[in-house]
Amino acid sequence: MREVEVDRFVPAPPPAVERLLSPERLVEAEGSFTVREVRTDGDATLVAAGRAGVELLFRFEPVDDGLVYEQLEGPLAELTTRVTYAPENEGTRLTARSTVAVRGPGVLDRLAAWKRRGELRRALADIAASA
């Protein structure tokens, strides 16, 4: 299991950034999968996504300063992510932290973490560009 973290300064106030943090937006902004379906489950949002024969199901839950989501179904043994925002100077600091693990040899966790870091960077860049 590996943990990755990326952050980015966004020159927009926290309320503007918060409005951009939807489950569908995050999945699409990561750039690996296309959202297929979105439904609610109590306070949580379930997002089905996929691409080229790979299907995933994510569960998103709001937290005071962002969103937490995990893969419920999919190819990884574990994928949990927390995206948070906090005021900083005249803008907002976005931070994304993920824990990722594959099914199989532990050495593959390093590759999964590298790929995950790229997805998180793309997501934060997309949000920053839209703020």
C-alpha atoms as a PDB file:
ATOM      1  CA  MET A   1       0.000   0.000   0.000  1.00  0.00           C
ATOM      2  CA  ARG A   2       1.242   3.480  -0.889  1.00  0.00           C
ATOM      3  CA  GLU A   3       0.117   6.974  -0.034  1.00  0.00           C
ATOM      4  CA  VAL A   4       0.432   9.936  -2.388  1.00  0.00           C
ATOM      5  CA  GLU A   5      -0.300  13.604  -1.851  1.00  0.00           C
ATOM      6  CA  VAL A   6      -0.478  16.567  -4.193  1.00  0.00           C
ATOM      7  CA  ASP A   7      -1.508  20.136  -3.567  1.00  0.00           C
ATOM      8  CA  ARG A   8      -2.087  23.256  -5.576  1.00  0.00           C
ATOM      9  CA  PHE A   9      -2.764  26.903  -4.890  1.00  0.00           C
ATOM     10  CA  VAL A  10      -5.915  28.238  -6.554  1.00  0.00           C
ATOM     11  CA  PRO A  11      -6.285  32.027  -6.870  1.00  0.00           C
ATOM     12  CA  ALA A  12      -9.997  31.894  -6.002  1.00  0.00           C
ATOM     13  CA  PRO A  13     -11.820  32.003  -2.650  1.00  0.00           C
ATOM     14  CA  PRO A  14     -12.799  28.729  -0.926  1.00  0.00           C
ATOM     15  CA  PRO A  15     -16.540  29.023  -1.739  1.00  0.00           C
ATOM     16  CA  ALA A  16     -15.730  29.211  -5.467  1.00  0.00           C
ATOM     17  CA  VAL A  17     -13.473  26.151  -5.217  1.00  0.00           C
ATOM     18  CA  GLU A  18     -16.004  24.250  -3.120  1.00  0.00           C
ATOM     19  CA  ARG A  19     -18.640  24.665  -5.844  1.00  0.00           C
ATOM     20  CA  LEU A  20     -16.327  22.887  -8.299  1.00  0.00           C
ATOM     21  CA  LEU A  21     -15.758  19.835  -6.081  1.00  0.00           C
ATOM     22  CA  SER A  22     -18.485  17.484  -7.248  1.00  0.00           C
ATOM     23  CA  PRO A  23     -18.021  13.719  -7.414  1.00  0.00           C
ATOM     24  CA  GLU A  24     -18.620  13.611 -11.185  1.00  0.00           C
ATOM     25  CA  ARG A  25     -16.220  16.482 -11.780  1.00  0.00           C
ATOM     26  CA  LEU A  26     -13.418  14.846  -9.788  1.00  0.00           C
ATOM     27  CA  VAL A  27     -13.706  11.506 -11.592  1.00  0.00           C
ATOM     28  CA  GLU A  28     -13.738  13.169 -15.014  1.00  0.00           C
ATOM     29  CA  ALA A  29     -10.937  15.603 -14.075  1.00  0.00           C
ATOM     30  CA  GLU A  30      -8.651  12.744 -13.015  1.00  0.00           C
ATOM     31  CA  GLY A  31      -8.665  11.814 -16.698  1.00  0.00           C
ATOM     32  CA  SER A  32      -8.648   8.011 -16.515  1.00  0.00           C
ATOM     33  CA  PHE A  33     -12.353   7.138 -16.558  1.00  0.00           C
ATOM     34  CA  THR A  34     -15.654   8.369 -17.924  1.00  0.00           C
ATOM     35  CA  VAL A  35     -18.612   8.778 -15.580  1.00  0.00           C
ATOM     36  CA  ARG A  36     -21.376   6.353 -16.537  1.00  0.00           C
ATOM     37  CA  GLU A  37     -23.920   6.863 -13.741  1.00  0.00           C
ATOM     38  CA  VAL A  38     -24.405   8.960 -10.616  1.00  0.00           C
ATOM     39  CA  ARG A  39     -26.857   8.138  -7.838  1.00  0.00           C
ATOM     40  CA  THR A  40     -27.341   9.048  -4.197  1.00  0.00           C
ATOM     41  CA  ASP A  41     -27.243   6.715  -1.216  1.00  0.00           C
ATOM     42  CA  GLY A  42     -28.254   8.712   1.837  1.00  0.00           C
ATOM     43  CA  ASP A  43     -25.622  11.409   2.330  1.00  0.00           C
ATOM     44  CA  ALA A  44     -23.246   9.652  -0.063  1.00  0.00           C
ATOM     45  CA  THR A  45     -22.972   9.823  -3.844  1.00  0.00           C
ATOM     46  CA  LEU A  46     -22.180   6.696  -5.837  1.00  0.00           C
ATOM     47  CA  VAL A  47     -20.380   7.188  -9.130  1.00  0.00           C
ATOM     48  CA  ALA A  48     -20.043   4.370 -11.655  1.00  0.00           C
ATOM     49  CA  ALA A  49     -17.213   5.000 -14.095  1.00  0.00           C
ATOM     50  CA  GLY A  50     -15.235   3.049 -16.633  1.00  0.00           C
ATOM     51  CA  ARG A  51     -13.202   2.774 -19.782  1.00  0.00           C
ATOM     52  CA  ALA A  52     -12.165  -0.009 -22.163  1.00  0.00           C
ATOM     53  CA  GLY A  53     -13.547  -2.931 -20.187  1.00  0.00           C
ATOM     54  CA  VAL A  54     -12.662  -1.576 -16.733  1.00  0.00           C
ATOM     55  CA  GLU A  55     -15.617  -0.651 -14.534  1.00  0.00           C
ATOM     56  CA  LEU A  56     -15.416   1.016 -11.124  1.00  0.00           C
ATOM     57  CA  LEU A  57     -17.816   2.152  -8.448  1.00  0.00           C
ATOM     58  CA  PHE A  58     -16.848   5.006  -6.133  1.00  0.00           C
ATOM     59  CA  ARG A  59     -18.557   6.177  -2.956  1.00  0.00           C
ATOM     60  CA  PHE A  60     -18.185   9.902  -2.214  1.00  0.00           C
ATOM     61  CA  GLU A  61     -19.006  11.485   1.120  1.00  0.00           C
ATOM     62  CA  PRO A  62     -18.844  15.162   1.971  1.00  0.00           C
ATOM     63  CA  VAL A  63     -16.632  16.352   4.828  1.00  0.00           C
ATOM     64  CA  ASP A  64     -16.390  19.857   6.284  1.00  0.00           C
ATOM     65  CA  ASP A  65     -13.476  20.823   4.060  1.00  0.00           C
ATOM     66  CA  GLY A  66     -14.023  18.742   0.923  1.00  0.00           C
ATOM     67  CA  LEU A  67     -14.817  15.182  -0.138  1.00  0.00           C
ATOM     68  CA  VAL A  68     -13.675  11.676   0.756  1.00  0.00           C
ATOM     69  CA  TYR A  69     -14.121   8.839  -1.691  1.00  0.00           C
ATOM     70  CA  GLU A  70     -13.244   5.198  -2.038  1.00  0.00           C
ATOM     71  CA  GLN A  71     -13.393   2.553  -4.712  1.00  0.00           C
ATOM     72  CA  LEU A  72     -16.096   0.039  -3.784  1.00  0.00           C
ATOM     73  CA  GLU A  73     -15.715  -2.060  -6.924  1.00  0.00           C
ATOM     74  CA  GLY A  74     -12.849  -2.113  -9.368  1.00  0.00           C
ATOM     75  CA  PRO A  75      -9.411  -3.446 -10.152  1.00  0.00           C
ATOM     76  CA  LEU A  76      -7.537  -2.123  -7.105  1.00  0.00           C
ATOM     77  CA  ALA A  77      -7.378  -3.785  -3.717  1.00  0.00           C
ATOM     78  CA  GLU A  78      -7.758  -0.349  -2.119  1.00  0.00           C
ATOM     79  CA  LEU A  79      -8.234   3.213  -3.274  1.00  0.00           C
ATOM     80  CA  THR A  80      -9.243   5.925  -0.826  1.00  0.00           C
ATOM     81  CA  THR A  81      -8.900   9.637  -1.537  1.00  0.00           C
ATOM     82  CA  ARG A  82      -9.540  12.825   0.413  1.00  0.00           C
ATOM     83  CA  VAL A  83      -9.683  16.153  -1.422  1.00  0.00           C
ATOM     84  CA  THR A  84      -9.683  19.180   0.868  1.00  0.00           C
ATOM     85  CA  TYR A  85      -9.556  22.942   0.513  1.00  0.00           C
ATOM     86  CA  ALA A  86      -8.422  25.651   2.919  1.00  0.00           C
ATOM     87  CA  PRO A  87      -8.090  29.418   2.660  1.00  0.00           C
ATOM     88  CA  GLU A  88      -4.578  30.621   1.912  1.00  0.00           C
ATOM     89  CA  ASN A  89      -3.531  34.222   1.288  1.00  0.00           C
ATOM     90  CA  GLU A  90      -6.003  35.570  -1.283  1.00  0.00           C
ATOM     91  CA  GLY A  91      -7.036  32.124  -2.542  1.00  0.00           C
ATOM     92  CA  THR A  92      -7.381  28.461  -1.655  1.00  0.00           C
ATOM     93  CA  ARG A  93      -4.993  25.554  -1.085  1.00  0.00           C
ATOM     94  CA  LEU A  94      -6.346  22.327  -2.587  1.00  0.00           C
ATOM     95  CA  THR A  95      -4.868  19.088  -1.276  1.00  0.00           C
ATOM     96  CA  ALA A  96      -5.520  15.534  -2.475  1.00  0.00           C
ATOM     97  CA  ARG A  97      -4.286  12.485  -0.550  1.00  0.00           C
ATOM     98  CA  SER A  98      -4.754   8.925  -1.783  1.00  0.00           C
ATOM     99  CA  THR A  99      -3.981   5.511  -0.423  1.00  0.00           C
ATOM    100  CA  VAL A 100      -3.661   2.905  -3.159  1.00  0.00           C
ATOM    101  CA  ALA A 101      -2.906  -0.816  -3.202  1.00  0.00           C
ATOM    102  CA  VAL A 102      -3.081  -3.400  -5.989  1.00  0.00           C
ATOM    103  CA  ARG A 103      -4.051  -7.018  -5.928  1.00  0.00           C
ATOM    104  CA  GLY A 104      -0.822  -8.902  -6.419  1.00  0.00           C
ATOM    105  CA  PRO A 105       2.868  -8.301  -5.714  1.00  0.00           C
ATOM    106  CA  GLY A 106       3.531  -5.303  -3.478  1.00  0.00           C
ATOM    107  CA  VAL A 107       6.048  -3.919  -5.941  1.00  0.00           C
ATOM    108  CA  LEU A 108       3.104  -2.990  -8.179  1.00  0.00           C
ATOM    109  CA  ASP A 109       1.897  -0.574  -5.497  1.00  0.00           C
ATOM    110  CA  ARG A 110       4.698   1.783  -6.532  1.00  0.00           C
ATOM    111  CA  LEU A 111       3.407   1.860 -10.118  1.00  0.00           C
ATOM    112  CA  ALA A 112      -0.170   2.370  -8.933  1.00  0.00           C
ATOM    113  CA  ALA A 113       0.953   5.267  -6.713  1.00  0.00           C
ATOM    114  CA  TRP A 114       2.814   6.886  -9.618  1.00  0.00           C
ATOM    115  CA  LYS A 115      -0.305   6.654 -11.810  1.00  0.00           C
ATOM    116  CA  ARG A 116      -2.509   7.920  -8.992  1.00  0.00           C
ATOM    117  CA  ARG A 117      -0.270  10.949  -8.423  1.00  0.00           C
ATOM    118  CA  GLY A 118      -0.709  11.884 -12.088  1.00  0.00           C
ATOM    119  CA  GLU A 119      -4.494  11.543 -11.835  1.00  0.00           C
ATOM    120  CA  LEU A 120      -4.595  13.766  -8.762  1.00  0.00           C
ATOM    121  CA  ARG A 121      -2.389  16.391 -10.404  1.00  0.00           C
ATOM    122  CA  ARG A 122      -4.691  16.480 -13.431  1.00  0.00           C
ATOM    123  CA  ALA A 123      -7.768  16.798 -11.228  1.00  0.00           C
ATOM    124  CA  LEU A 124      -6.377  19.703  -9.209  1.00  0.00           C
ATOM    125  CA  ALA A 125      -5.139  21.438 -12.354  1.00  0.00           C
ATOM    126  CA  ASP A 126      -8.591  21.127 -13.916  1.00  0.00           C
ATOM    127  CA  ILE A 127     -10.273  22.589 -10.847  1.00  0.00           C
ATOM    128  CA  ALA A 128      -7.734  25.414 -10.636  1.00  0.00           C
ATOM    129  CA  ALA A 129      -8.237  26.259 -14.320  1.00  0.00           C
ATOM    130  CA  SER A 130     -11.996  26.453 -13.812  1.00  0.00           C
ATOM    131  CA  ALA A 131     -11.973  28.539 -10.626  1.00  0.00           C
END
